[in-house]
Amino acid sequence: MPLSWGAVPWGLAAALTLASNHNYNVTLLETAPASSDQRQYDPTKAFLYNVNLRGQVLTRQFPDMHKKLVERSVPSGGFGTAIGGITIVPADPNEEVPLPKQSTQATQASIESDDTSHAFKSATSGEKAAGTVGYWVPRHTMVELMAECIEEHNSKDNVCRINFEMGQECLDVIPTKKRGRNCVCVIAKDSKDGSMKLHQATLVVGADGMKSRVRQCLATAPRNLWDSYRGFKPYKFNLKQWTSPASHLRIKGEMTIPNKPGMPPIITEGRQIYALRSVNTGPRSYLSLGLLPNFDNDAIRSGTSRTVRRCGSTFQKAYPRLNFGNEGGMISDEEWERFAKAEGTRFPFCQFSEGLSVYDNTGTCGVALVGDALHAFPPDIGQGVNAGLMDVVCLGRALQGRSAVTGEAASNNEPNLRANLERYQRNHAPETAALIRLSRFGAPYQYKQPHRADRLLLKLWTLNVAMRLLMNKLTLGLVQKPAILLVQDSSLTFRQVMRRADMTTAGLKATALACVGLYLQRFLAHLHQLAAMLACNEVIVFIDNPAHFPDMSVTYTARARASFALSPSESAQLFNQLPHRLDFALFSASRSTAQLSHRKICDNRGGSRQCSQDSLDCVRNRSHIGRNPLVLVASV
């Protein structure tokens, strides 16, 4: 019997997938105590998910789940924006608040209709017309609709059951035997009475978050404990971590927004995204408040902002348009106190585990990781919940003997758990590594971090994105778009996204290296010519039109490589001084340079001297020489 740990969306999805598609009786364990209702709003976990087309690969496997998602969410367009767009509320209370865009007919139909089935049909039929690519849904609502799907599944006859147990703390995960066959034993502790319980399973799915106890047990297990498990290496389950510019940033209902004097206030619409600008614009005092969409207009709206001290007074000074800190304000003193004392949640490292699964040699049992237990990253690229749901999809495909990434039938399809979990490891591990690379460089500076280095890097990142976009347009798509735009295409895997981005990066690097190489080639050639010139103590000056000499602009050339433009006065001054300081010679050279076949030239005093071969070669190799130029060879 499989066991799934974690009542998060991907843990619930894993349990439902195993029971519905693979005919397993599943035990679903959750660390949170039974007294906590994961379906209710919790301000410490007030996340909003944007389930895009990647995450919908899983929800569409269960029609009832997808129907519930559409009915209880707000449709979004590209980049997670609401269909109605974003309303920017200016900081100056004397400025008028712009009216939000009207929702599409399909969206309006889903709002106004009391018939939920009609609303679902209206919303889904208008997806393409509205440009819908995702759905905004609160975390507790996502958990609620998945839990309802599990309850509906258990209510059916002749189906495999999903047993849900709360308040179970994972103590250890060890291999054992049951009736002579290998299995995995999970030792759990009941948080209510402290009793121990052993769960023996053929498959354990770790979906227990960033601090996954399942993964930690594998990473710290003695290697000889898992001797019968092929290729087990504990170090692969240690997290590989990178610090993103967004890592460690801290993230801490119907609302009326006052309009400019003389104008009626704006009643916020739950399906609309609002960005409230503050009067603080400095790099360290900047404050911006965003209200994310919510299907229920009477529900508490989730917002995002930066942590500040003296919350009430600080918000009131930053937002004079709103009543935050005054008596009878929008937020009570008790809520301000709770908000100020709350530890909040920090954005995680960009991290992942190289190990995705463990499987025994007999193909009878194993362990697999999905969701945050496998990878975690800041919400910059908007792929957190979608990546977790895709983990479940890929695991389900692998357990069916198909490619975890493409879903195509595998060429070496062995009907046992070892081969399937090995396929999950082999196919999906590169996807996970590519996802973490994308999260590190996708859009980490969108939070306007105040440090000078981050502000500079934000400008460089913006320049990089703009340059790639421009090159993509100019080359008609030959140069790929930036990775943050490529990831919006759900038909591309994360590996394909990074490969295309890397191709552009490689092209830009090759171009930059070629330019540097050409410059260095010219520079080194100039140094070589300069060294030769200094060795023979000679300088060459070409005058393309001797008739105008010396009242003309000439180019002073060292070995015909380094040129310096001189004004007429500077050239006259130069040649007036040369006879007194230099021993030089003037002669005419035709294009064929026949007269340069000998090395002896006459100087201005009637004598002759030997001209170096380097000087003669320099004159012969000058391709842009005039028909009868005046050539001056001066010895220092």
Foldseek 3Di string as FASTA:
>chain_A
DEEFEALFLLSLLLCCLCFPVVVAQYEYEYQAAPVDQLLDDDQLQFDKAWCFPLLVVSQVVPVQSVLLQLLWWFFAAPPRAGLQGEFEAEQDQQAFGDDTRDHDPLCVCSQPDPDSVVNSVSVVVCCVVSRGGTTIETRSSSSVSSVVVLVVQQVDPPTRHYHYDYNWAWDAWAWDDDPRHIWIWTWIARNPPRDIDIDTHQEYEFAHAQPTPHLVRLLPPPPVRQVQWPPRDSVLSDKDFDAALQFFFFWFAQDWFRGRPPDHIDGDDQSHKYKYFWPDDALVLGWIKIWHHGSDRGGHTDITIGDDPPPQVSVCNRRVRAFRNDPPGPDDPVVVVCRNPDPGDTAHTFIFGLDAKIGGPVQRHIYGYAASSGGGGGCFLSCRSSRRSLLSQLLSLLLVCAQSPPSHHDPPRDNGNSRSSVNSSVRCSVLSVLVSVCRRLVGRLPNSNRDPVSVVVNVVSVVVQVVQVVVCVVVVNPQDHALSVVVSPVVDGSVRSVVSNVVNVVVVVVVVVVVVVVVVVLVVVLVVLVVVCVVQQKFKFKAQDVVCPPQQWGWGDRLNRDTDIDHSVRSVVVVVCCVVPWWKAKDKAALVRPVLPAQWGATPVGHIDGHDPSVSVSVNPPPPHHGIIIMMMIGD
